N, C-alpha and C. Protein backbone atom coordinates (compact mmCIF):
# COMPACT_ATOMS: atom_id res chain seq x y z
N MET A 1 -23.82 -5.23 49.66
CA MET A 1 -24.00 -6.36 48.76
C MET A 1 -25.39 -6.24 48.15
N GLY A 2 -25.47 -6.42 46.85
CA GLY A 2 -26.73 -6.32 46.15
C GLY A 2 -27.60 -7.54 46.37
N LEU A 3 -28.85 -7.42 45.99
CA LEU A 3 -29.81 -8.51 46.16
C LEU A 3 -29.37 -9.77 45.43
N PHE A 4 -28.94 -9.65 44.18
CA PHE A 4 -28.55 -10.83 43.41
C PHE A 4 -27.29 -11.49 43.98
N ALA A 5 -26.37 -10.69 44.44
CA ALA A 5 -25.16 -11.26 45.06
C ALA A 5 -25.54 -12.00 46.34
N SER A 6 -26.45 -11.44 47.11
CA SER A 6 -26.91 -12.08 48.34
C SER A 6 -27.59 -13.42 48.03
N LEU A 7 -28.44 -13.44 47.00
CA LEU A 7 -29.10 -14.69 46.62
C LEU A 7 -28.10 -15.73 46.13
N ARG A 8 -27.12 -15.30 45.36
CA ARG A 8 -26.07 -16.20 44.88
C ARG A 8 -25.30 -16.80 46.05
N ASN A 9 -24.94 -15.96 47.01
CA ASN A 9 -24.20 -16.45 48.18
C ASN A 9 -25.04 -17.42 49.00
N GLY A 10 -26.33 -17.11 49.14
CA GLY A 10 -27.22 -18.01 49.88
C GLY A 10 -27.33 -19.36 49.21
N ARG A 11 -27.44 -19.38 47.89
CA ARG A 11 -27.52 -20.63 47.13
C ARG A 11 -26.21 -21.41 47.26
N GLN A 12 -25.09 -20.69 47.19
CA GLN A 12 -23.79 -21.35 47.33
C GLN A 12 -23.64 -21.93 48.74
N ASN A 13 -24.07 -21.21 49.76
CA ASN A 13 -23.99 -21.72 51.13
C ASN A 13 -24.84 -22.98 51.29
N ARG A 14 -26.03 -22.98 50.70
CA ARG A 14 -26.88 -24.17 50.76
C ARG A 14 -26.20 -25.35 50.08
N GLN A 15 -25.54 -25.11 48.96
CA GLN A 15 -24.85 -26.19 48.25
C GLN A 15 -23.71 -26.75 49.10
N ILE A 16 -23.00 -25.89 49.79
CA ILE A 16 -21.91 -26.34 50.66
C ILE A 16 -22.46 -27.15 51.82
N VAL A 17 -23.50 -26.65 52.46
CA VAL A 17 -24.11 -27.37 53.57
C VAL A 17 -24.64 -28.71 53.09
N ASP A 18 -25.29 -28.73 51.94
CA ASP A 18 -25.80 -30.00 51.40
C ASP A 18 -24.66 -30.97 51.10
N ALA A 19 -23.56 -30.48 50.56
CA ALA A 19 -22.40 -31.35 50.28
C ALA A 19 -21.83 -31.91 51.59
N LEU A 20 -21.69 -31.07 52.60
CA LEU A 20 -21.18 -31.54 53.89
C LEU A 20 -22.16 -32.54 54.51
N TRP A 21 -23.45 -32.21 54.42
CA TRP A 21 -24.46 -33.09 55.01
C TRP A 21 -24.41 -34.47 54.34
N ASP A 22 -24.29 -34.51 53.02
CA ASP A 22 -24.22 -35.79 52.32
C ASP A 22 -23.02 -36.61 52.80
N GLN A 23 -21.91 -35.95 53.08
CA GLN A 23 -20.72 -36.65 53.57
C GLN A 23 -20.91 -37.15 55.00
N VAL A 24 -21.59 -36.36 55.83
CA VAL A 24 -21.89 -36.78 57.20
C VAL A 24 -22.77 -38.03 57.16
N VAL A 25 -23.82 -37.98 56.34
CA VAL A 25 -24.74 -39.12 56.23
C VAL A 25 -24.00 -40.35 55.70
N SER A 26 -23.15 -40.17 54.72
CA SER A 26 -22.38 -41.29 54.18
C SER A 26 -21.51 -41.93 55.26
N SER A 27 -20.84 -41.11 56.04
CA SER A 27 -20.01 -41.65 57.13
C SER A 27 -20.87 -42.36 58.17
N ALA A 28 -22.02 -41.79 58.48
CA ALA A 28 -22.92 -42.37 59.49
C ALA A 28 -23.50 -43.70 59.01
N ARG A 29 -23.59 -43.88 57.72
CA ARG A 29 -24.15 -45.12 57.17
C ARG A 29 -23.09 -46.19 56.91
N ASP A 30 -21.87 -45.94 57.29
CA ASP A 30 -20.80 -46.91 57.13
C ASP A 30 -21.26 -48.23 57.78
N PRO A 31 -21.35 -49.31 57.02
CA PRO A 31 -21.86 -50.58 57.56
C PRO A 31 -21.09 -51.09 58.77
N ARG A 32 -19.82 -50.72 58.87
CA ARG A 32 -19.03 -51.19 60.02
C ARG A 32 -19.57 -50.68 61.34
N ARG A 33 -20.23 -49.54 61.34
CA ARG A 33 -20.82 -49.03 62.59
C ARG A 33 -21.89 -49.97 63.11
N PHE A 34 -22.53 -50.68 62.20
CA PHE A 34 -23.60 -51.59 62.59
C PHE A 34 -23.08 -53.02 62.76
N LEU A 35 -22.11 -53.40 61.95
CA LEU A 35 -21.57 -54.76 62.04
C LEU A 35 -20.55 -54.87 63.17
N GLU A 36 -19.46 -54.12 63.10
CA GLU A 36 -18.44 -54.16 64.14
C GLU A 36 -18.80 -53.30 65.35
N GLY A 37 -19.44 -52.15 65.09
CA GLY A 37 -19.75 -51.21 66.16
C GLY A 37 -20.96 -51.55 66.98
N GLY A 38 -21.76 -52.50 66.51
CA GLY A 38 -22.88 -52.99 67.31
C GLY A 38 -24.14 -52.17 67.30
N LEU A 39 -24.17 -51.04 66.59
CA LEU A 39 -25.41 -50.28 66.53
C LEU A 39 -26.44 -51.09 65.75
N PRO A 40 -27.70 -51.06 66.19
CA PRO A 40 -28.71 -51.81 65.43
C PRO A 40 -29.03 -51.08 64.13
N ASP A 41 -29.28 -51.85 63.10
CA ASP A 41 -29.65 -51.26 61.81
C ASP A 41 -31.17 -51.01 61.82
N THR A 42 -31.54 -50.05 62.64
CA THR A 42 -32.94 -49.65 62.82
C THR A 42 -33.00 -48.13 62.73
N VAL A 43 -34.19 -47.60 62.79
CA VAL A 43 -34.34 -46.13 62.78
C VAL A 43 -33.57 -45.53 63.95
N GLN A 44 -33.70 -46.11 65.12
CA GLN A 44 -33.01 -45.59 66.30
C GLN A 44 -31.50 -45.73 66.17
N GLY A 45 -31.05 -46.87 65.66
CA GLY A 45 -29.62 -47.08 65.49
C GLY A 45 -29.03 -46.11 64.47
N ARG A 46 -29.77 -45.83 63.43
CA ARG A 46 -29.30 -44.88 62.43
C ARG A 46 -29.27 -43.46 62.99
N PHE A 47 -30.27 -43.13 63.81
CA PHE A 47 -30.24 -41.82 64.48
C PHE A 47 -28.99 -41.72 65.36
N GLU A 48 -28.69 -42.77 66.10
CA GLU A 48 -27.51 -42.74 66.97
C GLU A 48 -26.24 -42.57 66.14
N SER A 49 -26.12 -43.31 65.05
CA SER A 49 -24.93 -43.20 64.22
C SER A 49 -24.79 -41.79 63.64
N LEU A 50 -25.88 -41.24 63.16
CA LEU A 50 -25.87 -39.89 62.62
C LEU A 50 -25.53 -38.87 63.70
N SER A 51 -26.08 -39.05 64.88
CA SER A 51 -25.78 -38.13 66.00
C SER A 51 -24.30 -38.18 66.36
N LEU A 52 -23.75 -39.37 66.41
CA LEU A 52 -22.33 -39.50 66.78
C LEU A 52 -21.44 -38.82 65.75
N GLU A 53 -21.77 -38.97 64.47
CA GLU A 53 -20.96 -38.30 63.44
C GLU A 53 -21.11 -36.79 63.53
N MET A 54 -22.34 -36.33 63.77
CA MET A 54 -22.57 -34.89 63.90
C MET A 54 -21.80 -34.31 65.08
N ILE A 55 -21.73 -35.05 66.17
CA ILE A 55 -20.97 -34.57 67.33
C ILE A 55 -19.53 -34.29 66.93
N LEU A 56 -18.95 -35.20 66.17
CA LEU A 56 -17.55 -35.04 65.76
C LEU A 56 -17.37 -33.88 64.79
N VAL A 57 -18.28 -33.75 63.84
CA VAL A 57 -18.19 -32.65 62.87
C VAL A 57 -18.37 -31.31 63.57
N LEU A 58 -19.38 -31.22 64.42
CA LEU A 58 -19.65 -29.95 65.12
C LEU A 58 -18.51 -29.60 66.07
N ARG A 59 -17.91 -30.61 66.64
CA ARG A 59 -16.76 -30.39 67.52
C ARG A 59 -15.63 -29.71 66.74
N ARG A 60 -15.37 -30.22 65.54
CA ARG A 60 -14.33 -29.61 64.69
C ARG A 60 -14.72 -28.18 64.31
N CYS A 61 -15.96 -27.99 63.93
CA CYS A 61 -16.42 -26.65 63.54
C CYS A 61 -16.32 -25.67 64.72
N GLY A 62 -16.53 -26.16 65.92
CA GLY A 62 -16.48 -25.31 67.09
C GLY A 62 -15.09 -24.80 67.43
N GLN A 63 -14.08 -25.33 66.75
CA GLN A 63 -12.71 -24.94 67.04
C GLN A 63 -12.21 -23.81 66.15
N ASP A 64 -13.08 -23.30 65.30
CA ASP A 64 -12.68 -22.21 64.41
C ASP A 64 -13.86 -21.25 64.24
N GLU A 65 -13.65 -20.02 64.58
CA GLU A 65 -14.71 -19.01 64.51
C GLU A 65 -15.31 -18.91 63.11
N ARG A 66 -14.50 -19.14 62.09
CA ARG A 66 -15.02 -19.04 60.71
C ARG A 66 -16.03 -20.13 60.38
N LEU A 67 -16.08 -21.18 61.18
CA LEU A 67 -17.00 -22.28 60.93
C LEU A 67 -18.26 -22.20 61.78
N LYS A 68 -18.39 -21.16 62.58
CA LYS A 68 -19.52 -21.05 63.50
C LYS A 68 -20.86 -21.04 62.76
N GLU A 69 -20.98 -20.21 61.75
CA GLU A 69 -22.25 -20.12 61.01
C GLU A 69 -22.54 -21.43 60.28
N LEU A 70 -21.52 -22.01 59.70
CA LEU A 70 -21.66 -23.28 59.01
C LEU A 70 -22.12 -24.37 59.98
N SER A 71 -21.59 -24.34 61.17
CA SER A 71 -21.96 -25.30 62.19
C SER A 71 -23.45 -25.23 62.47
N GLN A 72 -23.97 -24.03 62.64
CA GLN A 72 -25.40 -23.86 62.89
C GLN A 72 -26.22 -24.33 61.69
N ASP A 73 -25.74 -24.04 60.50
CA ASP A 73 -26.44 -24.50 59.29
C ASP A 73 -26.50 -26.03 59.23
N LEU A 74 -25.43 -26.69 59.66
CA LEU A 74 -25.43 -28.15 59.68
C LEU A 74 -26.41 -28.70 60.71
N VAL A 75 -26.49 -28.06 61.88
CA VAL A 75 -27.46 -28.48 62.89
C VAL A 75 -28.87 -28.31 62.33
N ASP A 76 -29.11 -27.17 61.69
CA ASP A 76 -30.43 -26.94 61.10
C ASP A 76 -30.76 -28.00 60.05
N ARG A 77 -29.77 -28.36 59.24
CA ARG A 77 -29.97 -29.37 58.21
C ARG A 77 -30.26 -30.73 58.84
N PHE A 78 -29.56 -31.05 59.92
CA PHE A 78 -29.77 -32.29 60.66
C PHE A 78 -31.22 -32.36 61.17
N MET A 79 -31.66 -31.30 61.80
CA MET A 79 -33.02 -31.28 62.37
C MET A 79 -34.08 -31.30 61.26
N THR A 80 -33.82 -30.61 60.17
CA THR A 80 -34.76 -30.63 59.05
C THR A 80 -34.87 -32.03 58.47
N ASP A 81 -33.74 -32.71 58.35
CA ASP A 81 -33.74 -34.07 57.82
C ASP A 81 -34.51 -35.00 58.75
N LEU A 82 -34.33 -34.84 60.06
CA LEU A 82 -35.09 -35.67 61.01
C LEU A 82 -36.58 -35.42 60.87
N ASP A 83 -36.95 -34.16 60.76
CA ASP A 83 -38.36 -33.79 60.61
C ASP A 83 -38.94 -34.46 59.37
N HIS A 84 -38.25 -34.33 58.23
CA HIS A 84 -38.73 -34.94 56.98
C HIS A 84 -38.82 -36.47 57.11
N SER A 85 -37.84 -37.06 57.74
CA SER A 85 -37.84 -38.53 57.90
C SER A 85 -39.04 -38.99 58.71
N MET A 86 -39.34 -38.26 59.78
CA MET A 86 -40.49 -38.64 60.60
C MET A 86 -41.79 -38.56 59.81
N ARG A 87 -41.91 -37.52 59.03
CA ARG A 87 -43.12 -37.37 58.21
C ARG A 87 -43.20 -38.49 57.17
N GLU A 88 -42.07 -38.88 56.60
CA GLU A 88 -42.05 -39.98 55.63
C GLU A 88 -42.44 -41.30 56.27
N PHE A 89 -42.11 -41.47 57.56
CA PHE A 89 -42.49 -42.69 58.27
C PHE A 89 -43.96 -42.69 58.65
N GLY A 90 -44.64 -41.58 58.37
CA GLY A 90 -46.07 -41.52 58.64
C GLY A 90 -46.44 -41.01 60.02
N ILE A 91 -45.50 -40.41 60.70
CA ILE A 91 -45.81 -39.83 62.00
C ILE A 91 -46.71 -38.61 61.75
N SER A 92 -47.75 -38.51 62.54
CA SER A 92 -48.76 -37.48 62.31
C SER A 92 -48.17 -36.08 62.44
N TYR A 93 -48.77 -35.18 61.70
CA TYR A 93 -48.34 -33.79 61.67
C TYR A 93 -48.25 -33.20 63.08
N LEU A 94 -49.21 -33.52 63.93
CA LEU A 94 -49.23 -32.97 65.29
C LEU A 94 -48.19 -33.61 66.21
N ALA A 95 -47.79 -34.84 65.91
CA ALA A 95 -46.84 -35.54 66.78
C ALA A 95 -45.38 -35.21 66.45
N VAL A 96 -45.12 -34.72 65.24
CA VAL A 96 -43.73 -34.48 64.83
C VAL A 96 -43.01 -33.50 65.76
N PRO A 97 -43.59 -32.34 66.10
CA PRO A 97 -42.84 -31.41 66.98
C PRO A 97 -42.46 -32.03 68.33
N LYS A 98 -43.34 -32.83 68.90
CA LYS A 98 -43.04 -33.48 70.18
C LYS A 98 -41.88 -34.46 70.02
N ARG A 99 -41.92 -35.24 68.96
CA ARG A 99 -40.83 -36.20 68.72
C ARG A 99 -39.54 -35.47 68.41
N MET A 100 -39.63 -34.37 67.68
CA MET A 100 -38.42 -33.59 67.37
C MET A 100 -37.76 -33.08 68.64
N ARG A 101 -38.56 -32.62 69.58
CA ARG A 101 -37.99 -32.16 70.87
C ARG A 101 -37.27 -33.30 71.58
N LYS A 102 -37.85 -34.50 71.52
CA LYS A 102 -37.21 -35.66 72.16
C LYS A 102 -35.89 -36.01 71.47
N PHE A 103 -35.91 -36.02 70.13
CA PHE A 103 -34.67 -36.34 69.40
C PHE A 103 -33.61 -35.27 69.65
N ALA A 104 -34.00 -34.00 69.63
CA ALA A 104 -33.04 -32.92 69.88
C ALA A 104 -32.46 -33.05 71.29
N ALA A 105 -33.31 -33.36 72.26
CA ALA A 105 -32.82 -33.53 73.64
C ALA A 105 -31.83 -34.69 73.72
N ARG A 106 -32.13 -35.78 73.03
CA ARG A 106 -31.20 -36.92 73.03
C ARG A 106 -29.88 -36.53 72.40
N PHE A 107 -29.95 -35.80 71.29
CA PHE A 107 -28.72 -35.39 70.62
C PHE A 107 -27.87 -34.52 71.54
N TYR A 108 -28.45 -33.50 72.13
CA TYR A 108 -27.67 -32.60 72.98
C TYR A 108 -27.20 -33.27 74.27
N THR A 109 -27.95 -34.28 74.73
CA THR A 109 -27.48 -35.07 75.87
C THR A 109 -26.23 -35.86 75.48
N ARG A 110 -26.23 -36.41 74.26
CA ARG A 110 -25.04 -37.13 73.77
C ARG A 110 -23.84 -36.18 73.72
N VAL A 111 -24.05 -35.00 73.19
CA VAL A 111 -22.96 -34.02 73.11
C VAL A 111 -22.39 -33.79 74.51
N ARG A 112 -23.26 -33.50 75.46
CA ARG A 112 -22.81 -33.21 76.83
C ARG A 112 -22.11 -34.40 77.48
N ASP A 113 -22.66 -35.59 77.31
CA ASP A 113 -22.13 -36.76 78.00
C ASP A 113 -20.87 -37.35 77.36
N LEU A 114 -20.76 -37.24 76.04
CA LEU A 114 -19.62 -37.87 75.36
C LEU A 114 -18.45 -36.94 75.15
N GLU A 115 -18.68 -35.65 75.14
CA GLU A 115 -17.62 -34.69 74.84
C GLU A 115 -16.40 -34.82 75.75
N PRO A 116 -16.54 -34.96 77.07
CA PRO A 116 -15.32 -35.08 77.90
C PRO A 116 -14.43 -36.26 77.49
N ALA A 117 -15.05 -37.39 77.19
CA ALA A 117 -14.25 -38.56 76.79
C ALA A 117 -13.61 -38.35 75.41
N ILE A 118 -14.35 -37.71 74.52
CA ILE A 118 -13.79 -37.43 73.19
C ILE A 118 -12.63 -36.46 73.32
N GLU A 119 -12.82 -35.42 74.08
CA GLU A 119 -11.76 -34.41 74.27
C GLU A 119 -10.50 -35.05 74.86
N ALA A 120 -10.69 -35.95 75.84
CA ALA A 120 -9.55 -36.59 76.49
C ALA A 120 -8.96 -37.72 75.64
N GLY A 121 -9.66 -38.13 74.60
CA GLY A 121 -9.18 -39.27 73.82
C GLY A 121 -9.25 -40.56 74.61
N ASP A 122 -10.18 -40.63 75.54
CA ASP A 122 -10.31 -41.77 76.45
C ASP A 122 -11.30 -42.79 75.89
N ALA A 123 -10.78 -43.80 75.23
CA ALA A 123 -11.64 -44.80 74.58
C ALA A 123 -12.49 -45.57 75.59
N ASP A 124 -11.95 -45.86 76.79
CA ASP A 124 -12.73 -46.60 77.79
C ASP A 124 -13.91 -45.76 78.30
N ALA A 125 -13.67 -44.49 78.56
CA ALA A 125 -14.76 -43.62 79.01
C ALA A 125 -15.78 -43.41 77.91
N LEU A 126 -15.31 -43.30 76.67
CA LEU A 126 -16.23 -43.14 75.55
C LEU A 126 -17.06 -44.40 75.36
N ARG A 127 -16.43 -45.55 75.48
CA ARG A 127 -17.16 -46.82 75.40
C ARG A 127 -18.26 -46.87 76.44
N ALA A 128 -17.92 -46.53 77.67
CA ALA A 128 -18.91 -46.55 78.76
C ALA A 128 -20.04 -45.55 78.47
N GLY A 129 -19.70 -44.39 77.95
CA GLY A 129 -20.72 -43.40 77.62
C GLY A 129 -21.63 -43.87 76.50
N LEU A 130 -21.06 -44.55 75.51
CA LEU A 130 -21.87 -45.10 74.42
C LEU A 130 -22.83 -46.17 74.92
N VAL A 131 -22.34 -47.03 75.79
CA VAL A 131 -23.19 -48.09 76.34
C VAL A 131 -24.33 -47.47 77.15
N ALA A 132 -24.01 -46.43 77.92
CA ALA A 132 -25.01 -45.79 78.77
C ALA A 132 -26.00 -44.93 78.00
N SER A 133 -25.68 -44.59 76.76
CA SER A 133 -26.59 -43.70 76.03
C SER A 133 -27.05 -44.33 74.72
N SER A 134 -26.19 -44.42 73.75
CA SER A 134 -26.58 -44.89 72.43
C SER A 134 -27.11 -46.32 72.46
N PHE A 135 -26.47 -47.19 73.18
CA PHE A 135 -26.93 -48.58 73.21
C PHE A 135 -28.13 -48.75 74.13
N ARG A 136 -28.31 -47.87 75.05
CA ARG A 136 -29.50 -47.93 75.91
C ARG A 136 -30.73 -47.51 75.11
N ASP A 137 -30.61 -46.47 74.30
CA ASP A 137 -31.76 -45.92 73.59
C ASP A 137 -32.05 -46.59 72.26
N ALA A 138 -31.09 -47.26 71.68
CA ALA A 138 -31.29 -47.95 70.39
C ALA A 138 -31.39 -49.44 70.67
N GLU A 139 -32.60 -49.89 70.94
CA GLU A 139 -32.81 -51.29 71.28
C GLU A 139 -32.36 -52.21 70.16
N GLY A 140 -31.82 -53.34 70.58
CA GLY A 140 -31.38 -54.34 69.61
C GLY A 140 -29.91 -54.23 69.26
N GLY A 141 -29.24 -53.24 69.84
CA GLY A 141 -27.82 -53.09 69.58
C GLY A 141 -27.00 -54.09 70.36
N ARG A 142 -25.75 -54.19 70.01
CA ARG A 142 -24.83 -55.08 70.70
C ARG A 142 -23.77 -54.25 71.42
N PRO A 143 -23.95 -54.03 72.72
CA PRO A 143 -22.97 -53.22 73.47
C PRO A 143 -21.55 -53.77 73.40
N ASP A 144 -21.39 -55.05 73.05
CA ASP A 144 -20.03 -55.59 72.91
C ASP A 144 -19.29 -54.94 71.74
N GLY A 145 -20.01 -54.22 70.88
CA GLY A 145 -19.38 -53.49 69.78
C GLY A 145 -18.93 -52.09 70.18
N ALA A 146 -19.28 -51.67 71.39
CA ALA A 146 -18.95 -50.31 71.83
C ALA A 146 -17.44 -50.03 71.82
N PRO A 147 -16.57 -50.97 72.16
CA PRO A 147 -15.13 -50.65 72.07
C PRO A 147 -14.71 -50.28 70.64
N TRP A 148 -15.21 -51.02 69.65
CA TRP A 148 -14.88 -50.70 68.26
C TRP A 148 -15.43 -49.32 67.91
N LEU A 149 -16.66 -49.04 68.29
CA LEU A 149 -17.29 -47.76 67.96
C LEU A 149 -16.54 -46.60 68.63
N ALA A 150 -16.13 -46.77 69.87
CA ALA A 150 -15.36 -45.73 70.56
C ALA A 150 -14.04 -45.48 69.85
N HIS A 151 -13.35 -46.55 69.49
CA HIS A 151 -12.08 -46.43 68.76
C HIS A 151 -12.30 -45.70 67.43
N HIS A 152 -13.33 -46.10 66.71
CA HIS A 152 -13.66 -45.48 65.43
C HIS A 152 -13.94 -43.99 65.60
N MET A 153 -14.70 -43.63 66.63
CA MET A 153 -15.01 -42.21 66.86
C MET A 153 -13.75 -41.40 67.14
N LEU A 154 -12.83 -41.95 67.88
CA LEU A 154 -11.60 -41.22 68.17
C LEU A 154 -10.74 -41.07 66.92
N LEU A 155 -10.75 -42.09 66.05
CA LEU A 155 -10.05 -41.95 64.78
C LEU A 155 -10.71 -40.88 63.91
N GLN A 156 -12.04 -40.87 63.89
CA GLN A 156 -12.77 -39.86 63.12
C GLN A 156 -12.47 -38.46 63.67
N LYS A 157 -12.42 -38.35 64.98
CA LYS A 157 -12.10 -37.05 65.60
C LYS A 157 -10.76 -36.55 65.08
N ASP A 158 -9.77 -37.43 65.05
CA ASP A 158 -8.44 -37.04 64.56
C ASP A 158 -8.47 -36.68 63.07
N ARG A 159 -9.26 -37.42 62.31
CA ARG A 159 -9.38 -37.12 60.88
C ARG A 159 -9.99 -35.74 60.67
N TYR A 160 -11.05 -35.46 61.40
CA TYR A 160 -11.68 -34.14 61.28
C TYR A 160 -10.74 -33.04 61.75
N GLN A 161 -10.01 -33.32 62.79
CA GLN A 161 -9.06 -32.35 63.32
C GLN A 161 -8.03 -31.95 62.29
N ALA A 162 -7.65 -32.88 61.44
CA ALA A 162 -6.61 -32.63 60.45
C ALA A 162 -7.13 -31.85 59.23
N LEU A 163 -8.42 -31.68 59.12
CA LEU A 163 -8.99 -30.97 57.97
C LEU A 163 -8.73 -29.47 58.07
N SER A 164 -8.48 -28.86 56.93
CA SER A 164 -8.31 -27.41 56.91
C SER A 164 -9.67 -26.73 56.97
N THR A 165 -9.70 -25.59 57.59
CA THR A 165 -10.94 -24.81 57.65
C THR A 165 -11.39 -24.43 56.24
N ASP A 166 -10.45 -24.05 55.39
CA ASP A 166 -10.81 -23.68 54.02
C ASP A 166 -11.44 -24.85 53.28
N GLY A 167 -10.94 -26.04 53.51
CA GLY A 167 -11.52 -27.23 52.88
C GLY A 167 -12.95 -27.47 53.34
N ILE A 168 -13.17 -27.32 54.64
CA ILE A 168 -14.53 -27.49 55.18
C ILE A 168 -15.45 -26.43 54.59
N LEU A 169 -14.97 -25.20 54.55
CA LEU A 169 -15.78 -24.11 53.98
C LEU A 169 -16.09 -24.33 52.51
N ALA A 170 -15.26 -25.12 51.84
CA ALA A 170 -15.49 -25.44 50.43
C ALA A 170 -16.40 -26.66 50.27
N GLY A 171 -16.76 -27.31 51.39
CA GLY A 171 -17.67 -28.44 51.33
C GLY A 171 -17.01 -29.79 51.35
N ALA A 172 -15.76 -29.87 51.79
CA ALA A 172 -15.04 -31.15 51.79
C ALA A 172 -14.82 -31.64 53.22
N LEU A 173 -15.29 -32.86 53.47
CA LEU A 173 -15.02 -33.52 54.76
C LEU A 173 -14.14 -34.72 54.49
N LEU A 174 -14.66 -35.89 54.72
CA LEU A 174 -13.84 -37.10 54.63
C LEU A 174 -14.50 -38.15 53.77
N ASP A 175 -13.69 -38.94 53.11
CA ASP A 175 -14.17 -40.16 52.54
C ASP A 175 -14.13 -41.20 53.66
N PRO A 176 -15.08 -42.13 53.68
CA PRO A 176 -14.98 -43.17 54.71
C PRO A 176 -13.65 -43.90 54.59
N PRO A 177 -13.00 -44.15 55.70
CA PRO A 177 -11.70 -44.84 55.65
C PRO A 177 -11.87 -46.27 55.17
N PRO A 178 -10.90 -46.76 54.36
CA PRO A 178 -11.02 -48.12 53.82
C PRO A 178 -10.87 -49.20 54.88
N GLN A 179 -10.00 -48.99 55.83
CA GLN A 179 -9.76 -50.00 56.85
C GLN A 179 -9.20 -49.32 58.09
N GLU A 180 -9.65 -49.79 59.25
CA GLU A 180 -9.15 -49.25 60.51
C GLU A 180 -8.52 -50.36 61.30
N THR A 181 -7.45 -50.01 62.02
CA THR A 181 -6.82 -51.01 62.87
C THR A 181 -6.84 -50.54 64.30
């Protein structure tokens, strides 16, 4: 592959990752996660919502070898966005790496702790995991919203599961659902 073809492919890959990332962020900002789901509308609550959506997207990507590289690109985009957000909030240049390690550790702890319940489709276990993690770390949340959030996550898991790999590779995820029952 020539240099120009390589640059074109790299630019196209960035556009796809950016398109997917925008859709992940849009889903994570769904007001119902904060109103019905009980997450606080704070920096911590938004991090939790974004982490939960990323868990579901990465889970889907992990089920197809063709999505492996894209999955890593999305994680990189997630971490880059967190880094930029911290700097925008005025966190000092020297403190950002330490905070990034903490946020990354929280994210991967969520993956480890919530994955068994997500895999099993167990809303009660997922609810308990959310209360023990997301609602513990995001002060001001309403744990009574955890049943709705667990139900929503399992619906999102099924939605992502139904997506074609080719569609994901083209940069298409989901529109936020209009109504859930």
